[in-house]
Amino acid sequence: MTQVNRQEELLTVREVARLLRVDDTTVRRWIKMGALEAITLPHRGKRQAYRVRRATLDALLSAP
């Protein structure tokens, strides 16, 4: 996977939670609070669906 494709990659809430070693609920809370930028997807189920760009996650992890 090229660097450009990697940065444009979209991750699910579960994937982000696994990478950060936190619960899915924590990631959803961060998104709702605005601490983590995410793309909101249309949904019909109980839970809102989100996707987080890999570049957003990488930036969060490299911040001091």
PDB file of N, CA and C in Angstrom:
ATOM      1  N   MET A   1       0.853  -1.186   0.000  1.00  0.00           N
ATOM      2  CA  MET A   1       0.000   0.000   0.000  1.00  0.00           C
ATOM      3  C   MET A   1       0.891   1.238   0.000  1.00  0.00           C
ATOM      4  N   THR A   2       0.646   2.154  -0.913  1.00  0.00           N
ATOM      5  CA  THR A   2       1.455   3.364  -0.982  1.00  0.00           C
ATOM      6  C   THR A   2       1.118   4.286   0.178  1.00  0.00           C
ATOM      7  N   GLN A   3       1.991   5.253   0.421  1.00  0.00           N
ATOM      8  CA  GLN A   3       1.796   6.206   1.522  1.00  0.00           C
ATOM      9  C   GLN A   3       0.509   6.999   1.341  1.00  0.00           C
ATOM     10  N   VAL A   4       0.193   7.407   0.107  1.00  0.00           N
ATOM     11  CA  VAL A   4      -1.019   8.180  -0.161  1.00  0.00           C
ATOM     12  C   VAL A   4      -2.254   7.340   0.148  1.00  0.00           C
ATOM     13  N   ASN A   5      -2.286   6.097  -0.338  1.00  0.00           N
ATOM     14  CA  ASN A   5      -3.417   5.212  -0.070  1.00  0.00           C
ATOM     15  C   ASN A   5      -3.576   4.944   1.418  1.00  0.00           C
ATOM     16  N   ARG A   6      -2.461   4.798   2.120  1.00  0.00           N
ATOM     17  CA  ARG A   6      -2.504   4.535   3.558  1.00  0.00           C
ATOM     18  C   ARG A   6      -3.139   5.716   4.291  1.00  0.00           C
ATOM     19  N   GLN A   7      -2.794   6.951   3.930  1.00  0.00           N
ATOM     20  CA  GLN A   7      -3.331   8.120   4.607  1.00  0.00           C
ATOM     21  C   GLN A   7      -4.806   8.323   4.300  1.00  0.00           C
ATOM     22  N   GLU A   8      -5.251   7.887   3.119  1.00  0.00           N
ATOM     23  CA  GLU A   8      -6.650   8.045   2.743  1.00  0.00           C
ATOM     24  C   GLU A   8      -7.510   6.883   3.229  1.00  0.00           C
ATOM     25  N   GLU A   9      -6.875   5.872   3.784  1.00  0.00           N
ATOM     26  CA  GLU A   9      -7.588   4.701   4.275  1.00  0.00           C
ATOM     27  C   GLU A   9      -8.589   5.113   5.369  1.00  0.00           C
ATOM     28  N   LEU A  10      -9.782   4.536   5.315  1.00  0.00           N
ATOM     29  CA  LEU A  10     -10.808   4.815   6.316  1.00  0.00           C
ATOM     30  C   LEU A  10     -10.902   3.644   7.281  1.00  0.00           C
ATOM     31  N   LEU A  11     -10.885   3.950   8.566  1.00  0.00           N
ATOM     32  CA  LEU A  11     -10.929   2.933   9.607  1.00  0.00           C
ATOM     33  C   LEU A  11     -12.276   2.964  10.326  1.00  0.00           C
ATOM     34  N   THR A  12     -12.746   1.812  10.732  1.00  0.00           N
ATOM     35  CA  THR A  12     -13.978   1.743  11.505  1.00  0.00           C
ATOM     36  C   THR A  12     -13.682   2.118  12.958  1.00  0.00           C
ATOM     37  N   VAL A  13     -14.741   2.355  13.716  1.00  0.00           N
ATOM     38  CA  VAL A  13     -14.592   2.661  15.142  1.00  0.00           C
ATOM     39  C   VAL A  13     -13.881   1.505  15.838  1.00  0.00           C
ATOM     40  N   ARG A  14     -14.253   0.288  15.503  1.00  0.00           N
ATOM     41  CA  ARG A  14     -13.628  -0.885  16.130  1.00  0.00           C
ATOM     42  C   ARG A  14     -12.138  -0.964  15.817  1.00  0.00           C
ATOM     43  N   GLU A  15     -11.751  -0.666  14.576  1.00  0.00           N
ATOM     44  CA  GLU A  15     -10.334  -0.702  14.201  1.00  0.00           C
ATOM     45  C   GLU A  15      -9.544   0.361  14.953  1.00  0.00           C
ATOM     46  N   VAL A  16     -10.106   1.554  15.066  1.00  0.00           N
ATOM     47  CA  VAL A  16      -9.442   2.635  15.806  1.00  0.00           C
ATOM     48  C   VAL A  16      -9.299   2.238  17.274  1.00  0.00           C
ATOM     49  N   ALA A  17     -10.352   1.688  17.843  1.00  0.00           N
ATOM     50  CA  ALA A  17     -10.318   1.266  19.244  1.00  0.00           C
ATOM     51  C   ALA A  17      -9.230   0.217  19.474  1.00  0.00           C
ATOM     52  N   ARG A  18      -9.130  -0.729  18.559  1.00  0.00           N
ATOM     53  CA  ARG A  18      -8.118  -1.768  18.680  1.00  0.00           C
ATOM     54  C   ARG A  18      -6.708  -1.172  18.619  1.00  0.00           C
ATOM     55  N   LEU A  19      -6.494  -0.247  17.675  1.00  0.00           N
ATOM     56  CA  LEU A  19      -5.175   0.369  17.535  1.00  0.00           C
ATOM     57  C   LEU A  19      -4.790   1.201  18.752  1.00  0.00           C
ATOM     58  N   LEU A  20      -5.777   1.863  19.365  1.00  0.00           N
ATOM     59  CA  LEU A  20      -5.515   2.715  20.527  1.00  0.00           C
ATOM     60  C   LEU A  20      -5.648   1.961  21.851  1.00  0.00           C
ATOM     61  N   ARG A  21      -6.077   0.703  21.758  1.00  0.00           N
ATOM     62  CA  ARG A  21      -6.264  -0.141  22.934  1.00  0.00           C
ATOM     63  C   ARG A  21      -7.257   0.462  23.930  1.00  0.00           C
ATOM     64  N   VAL A  22      -8.382   0.903  23.376  1.00  0.00           N
ATOM     65  CA  VAL A  22      -9.489   1.414  24.179  1.00  0.00           C
ATOM     66  C   VAL A  22     -10.771   0.737  23.704  1.00  0.00           C
ATOM     67  N   ASP A  23     -11.857   0.976  24.413  1.00  0.00           N
ATOM     68  CA  ASP A  23     -13.145   0.407  24.051  1.00  0.00           C
ATOM     69  C   ASP A  23     -13.782   1.201  22.910  1.00  0.00           C
ATOM     70  N   ASP A  24     -14.637   0.556  22.133  1.00  0.00           N
ATOM     71  CA  ASP A  24     -15.358   1.226  21.047  1.00  0.00           C
ATOM     72  C   ASP A  24     -16.121   2.449  21.566  1.00  0.00           C
ATOM     73  N   THR A  25     -16.713   2.314  22.754  1.00  0.00           N
ATOM     74  CA  THR A  25     -17.500   3.397  23.343  1.00  0.00           C
ATOM     75  C   THR A  25     -16.637   4.634  23.573  1.00  0.00           C
ATOM     76  N   THR A  26     -15.391   4.430  23.955  1.00  0.00           N
ATOM     77  CA  THR A  26     -14.469   5.550  24.172  1.00  0.00           C
ATOM     78  C   THR A  26     -14.226   6.295  22.867  1.00  0.00           C
ATOM     79  N   VAL A  27     -14.005   5.565  21.790  1.00  0.00           N
ATOM     80  CA  VAL A  27     -13.776   6.191  20.481  1.00  0.00           C
ATOM     81  C   VAL A  27     -15.013   6.978  20.063  1.00  0.00           C
ATOM     82  N   ARG A  28     -16.196   6.397  20.238  1.00  0.00           N
ATOM     83  CA  ARG A  28     -17.441   7.100  19.896  1.00  0.00           C
ATOM     84  C   ARG A  28     -17.595   8.369  20.721  1.00  0.00           C
ATOM     85  N   ARG A  29     -17.234   8.324  21.989  1.00  0.00           N
ATOM     86  CA  ARG A  29     -17.317   9.501  22.860  1.00  0.00           C
ATOM     87  C   ARG A  29     -16.370  10.591  22.360  1.00  0.00           C
ATOM     88  N   TRP A  30     -15.143  10.204  21.997  1.00  0.00           N
ATOM     89  CA  TRP A  30     -14.177  11.172  21.485  1.00  0.00           C
ATOM     90  C   TRP A  30     -14.695  11.840  20.217  1.00  0.00           C
ATOM     91  N   ILE A  31     -15.340  11.073  19.356  1.00  0.00           N
ATOM     92  CA  ILE A  31     -15.895  11.613  18.116  1.00  0.00           C
ATOM     93  C   ILE A  31     -17.009  12.606  18.441  1.00  0.00           C
ATOM     94  N   LYS A  32     -17.926  12.229  19.335  1.00  0.00           N
ATOM     95  CA  LYS A  32     -19.047  13.110  19.692  1.00  0.00           C
ATOM     96  C   LYS A  32     -18.572  14.380  20.383  1.00  0.00           C
ATOM     97  N   MET A  33     -17.467  14.290  21.154  1.00  0.00           N
ATOM     98  CA  MET A  33     -16.916  15.461  21.843  1.00  0.00           C
ATOM     99  C   MET A  33     -16.104  16.347  20.904  1.00  0.00           C
ATOM    100  N   GLY A  34     -15.770  15.836  19.728  1.00  0.00           N
ATOM    101  CA  GLY A  34     -14.967  16.601  18.785  1.00  0.00           C
ATOM    102  C   GLY A  34     -13.473  16.410  18.956  1.00  0.00           C
ATOM    103  N   ALA A  35     -13.072  15.499  19.821  1.00  0.00           N
ATOM    104  CA  ALA A  35     -11.651  15.250  20.043  1.00  0.00           C
ATOM    105  C   ALA A  35     -11.025  14.422  18.924  1.00  0.00           C
ATOM    106  N   LEU A  36     -11.864  13.701  18.192  1.00  0.00           N
ATOM    107  CA  LEU A  36     -11.404  12.865  17.083  1.00  0.00           C
ATOM    108  C   LEU A  36     -12.299  13.141  15.880  1.00  0.00           C
ATOM    109  N   GLU A  37     -11.687  13.601  14.810  1.00  0.00           N
ATOM    110  CA  GLU A  37     -12.441  13.920  13.590  1.00  0.00           C
ATOM    111  C   GLU A  37     -12.842  12.635  12.879  1.00  0.00           C
ATOM    112  N   ALA A  38     -14.107  12.566  12.470  1.00  0.00           N
ATOM    113  CA  ALA A  38     -14.606  11.371  11.798  1.00  0.00           C
ATOM    114  C   ALA A  38     -15.622  11.739  10.734  1.00  0.00           C
ATOM    115  N   ILE A  39     -15.816  10.832   9.805  1.00  0.00           N
ATOM    116  CA  ILE A  39     -16.825  10.968   8.763  1.00  0.00           C
ATOM    117  C   ILE A  39     -18.071  10.244   9.256  1.00  0.00           C
ATOM    118  N   THR A  40     -19.202  10.922   9.225  1.00  0.00           N
ATOM    119  CA  THR A  40     -20.458  10.325   9.650  1.00  0.00           C
ATOM    120  C   THR A  40     -21.132   9.688   8.449  1.00  0.00           C
ATOM    121  N   LEU A  41     -21.488   8.429   8.580  1.00  0.00           N
ATOM    122  CA  LEU A  41     -22.141   7.701   7.506  1.00  0.00           C
ATOM    123  C   LEU A  41     -23.641   7.620   7.760  1.00  0.00           C
ATOM    124  N   PRO A  42     -24.428   7.537   6.698  1.00  0.00           N
ATOM    125  CA  PRO A  42     -25.867   7.334   6.884  1.00  0.00           C
ATOM    126  C   PRO A  42     -26.100   5.971   7.540  1.00  0.00           C
ATOM    127  N   HIS A  43     -27.116   5.893   8.385  1.00  0.00           N
ATOM    128  CA  HIS A  43     -27.380   4.629   9.064  1.00  0.00           C
ATOM    129  C   HIS A  43     -28.864   4.460   9.360  1.00  0.00           C
ATOM    130  N   ARG A  44     -29.241   3.233   9.630  1.00  0.00           N
ATOM    131  CA  ARG A  44     -30.617   2.937  10.006  1.00  0.00           C
ATOM    132  C   ARG A  44     -30.675   2.168  11.320  1.00  0.00           C
ATOM    133  N   GLY A  45     -29.555   1.701  11.782  1.00  0.00           N
ATOM    134  CA  GLY A  45     -29.519   0.898  13.001  1.00  0.00           C
ATOM    135  C   GLY A  45     -29.533   1.754  14.256  1.00  0.00           C
ATOM    136  N   LYS A  46     -29.213   1.113  15.366  1.00  0.00           N
ATOM    137  CA  LYS A  46     -29.212   1.786  16.661  1.00  0.00           C
ATOM    138  C   LYS A  46     -28.045   2.747  16.815  1.00  0.00           C
ATOM    139  N   ARG A  47     -26.897   2.376  16.264  1.00  0.00           N
ATOM    140  CA  ARG A  47     -25.691   3.179  16.453  1.00  0.00           C
ATOM    141  C   ARG A  47     -25.319   3.938  15.195  1.00  0.00           C
ATOM    142  N   GLN A  48     -24.826   5.143  15.396  1.00  0.00           N
ATOM    143  CA  GLN A  48     -24.315   5.958  14.291  1.00  0.00           C
ATOM    144  C   GLN A  48     -23.041   5.307  13.764  1.00  0.00           C
ATOM    145  N   ALA A  49     -22.875   5.286  12.463  1.00  0.00           N
ATOM    146  CA  ALA A  49     -21.674   4.716  11.844  1.00  0.00           C
ATOM    147  C   ALA A  49     -20.689   5.831  11.516  1.00  0.00           C
ATOM    148  N   TYR A  50     -19.429   5.610  11.846  1.00  0.00           N
ATOM    149  CA  TYR A  50     -18.369   6.580  11.595  1.00  0.00           C
ATOM    150  C   TYR A  50     -17.204   5.892  10.899  1.00  0.00           C
ATOM    151  N   ARG A  51     -16.397   6.709  10.213  1.00  0.00           N
ATOM    152  CA  ARG A  51     -15.114   6.258   9.676  1.00  0.00           C
ATOM    153  C   ARG A  51     -14.089   7.335  10.016  1.00  0.00           C
ATOM    154  N   VAL A  52     -12.898   6.891  10.378  1.00  0.00           N
ATOM    155  CA  VAL A  52     -11.811   7.794  10.744  1.00  0.00           C
ATOM    156  C   VAL A  52     -10.702   7.621   9.726  1.00  0.00           C
ATOM    157  N   ARG A  53     -10.222   8.736   9.188  1.00  0.00           N
ATOM    158  CA  ARG A  53      -9.110   8.667   8.232  1.00  0.00           C
ATOM    159  C   ARG A  53      -7.847   8.239   8.961  1.00  0.00           C
ATOM    160  N   ARG A  54      -7.066   7.387   8.300  1.00  0.00           N
ATOM    161  CA  ARG A  54      -5.793   6.928   8.859  1.00  0.00           C
ATOM    162  C   ARG A  54      -4.891   8.125   9.163  1.00  0.00           C
ATOM    163  N   ALA A  55      -4.908   9.135   8.284  1.00  0.00           N
ATOM    164  CA  ALA A  55      -4.065  10.321   8.488  1.00  0.00           C
ATOM    165  C   ALA A  55      -4.461  11.066   9.764  1.00  0.00           C
ATOM    166  N   THR A  56      -5.763  11.102  10.077  1.00  0.00           N
ATOM    167  CA  THR A  56      -6.231  11.751  11.301  1.00  0.00           C
ATOM    168  C   THR A  56      -5.697  10.999  12.522  1.00  0.00           C
ATOM    169  N   LEU A  57      -5.773   9.693  12.486  1.00  0.00           N
ATOM    170  CA  LEU A  57      -5.270   8.873  13.585  1.00  0.00           C
ATOM    171  C   LEU A  57      -3.770   9.026  13.740  1.00  0.00           C
ATOM    172  N   ASP A  58      -3.041   9.008  12.620  1.00  0.00           N
ATOM    173  CA  ASP A  58      -1.581   9.171  12.663  1.00  0.00           C
ATOM    174  C   ASP A  58      -1.216  10.511  13.265  1.00  0.00           C
ATOM    175  N   ALA A  59      -1.947  11.573  12.910  1.00  0.00           N
ATOM    176  CA  ALA A  59      -1.678  12.913  13.448  1.00  0.00           C
ATOM    177  C   ALA A  59      -1.930  12.940  14.957  1.00  0.00           C
ATOM    178  N   LEU A  60      -2.996  12.292  15.385  1.00  0.00           N
ATOM    179  CA  LEU A  60      -3.321  12.226  16.808  1.00  0.00           C
ATOM    180  C   LEU A  60      -2.222  11.508  17.584  1.00  0.00           C
ATOM    181  N   LEU A  61      -1.721  10.422  17.027  1.00  0.00           N
ATOM    182  CA  LEU A  61      -0.694   9.637  17.697  1.00  0.00           C
ATOM    183  C   LEU A  61       0.664  10.329  17.714  1.00  0.00           C
ATOM    184  N   SER A  62       0.916  11.204  16.759  1.00  0.00           N
ATOM    185  CA  SER A  62       2.228  11.881  16.711  1.00  0.00           C
ATOM    186  C   SER A  62       2.211  13.223  17.442  1.00  0.00           C
ATOM    187  N   ALA A  63       1.051  13.672  17.915  1.00  0.00           N
ATOM    188  CA  ALA A  63       0.965  14.942  18.648  1.00  0.00           C
ATOM    189  C   ALA A  63       1.673  14.805  19.999  1.00  0.00           C
ATOM    190  N   PRO A  64       2.324  15.889  20.433  1.00  0.00           N
ATOM    191  CA  PRO A  64       3.060  15.839  21.729  1.00  0.00           C
ATOM    192  C   PRO A  64       2.128  15.697  22.918  1.00  0.00           C
TER     193      PRO A  64
END
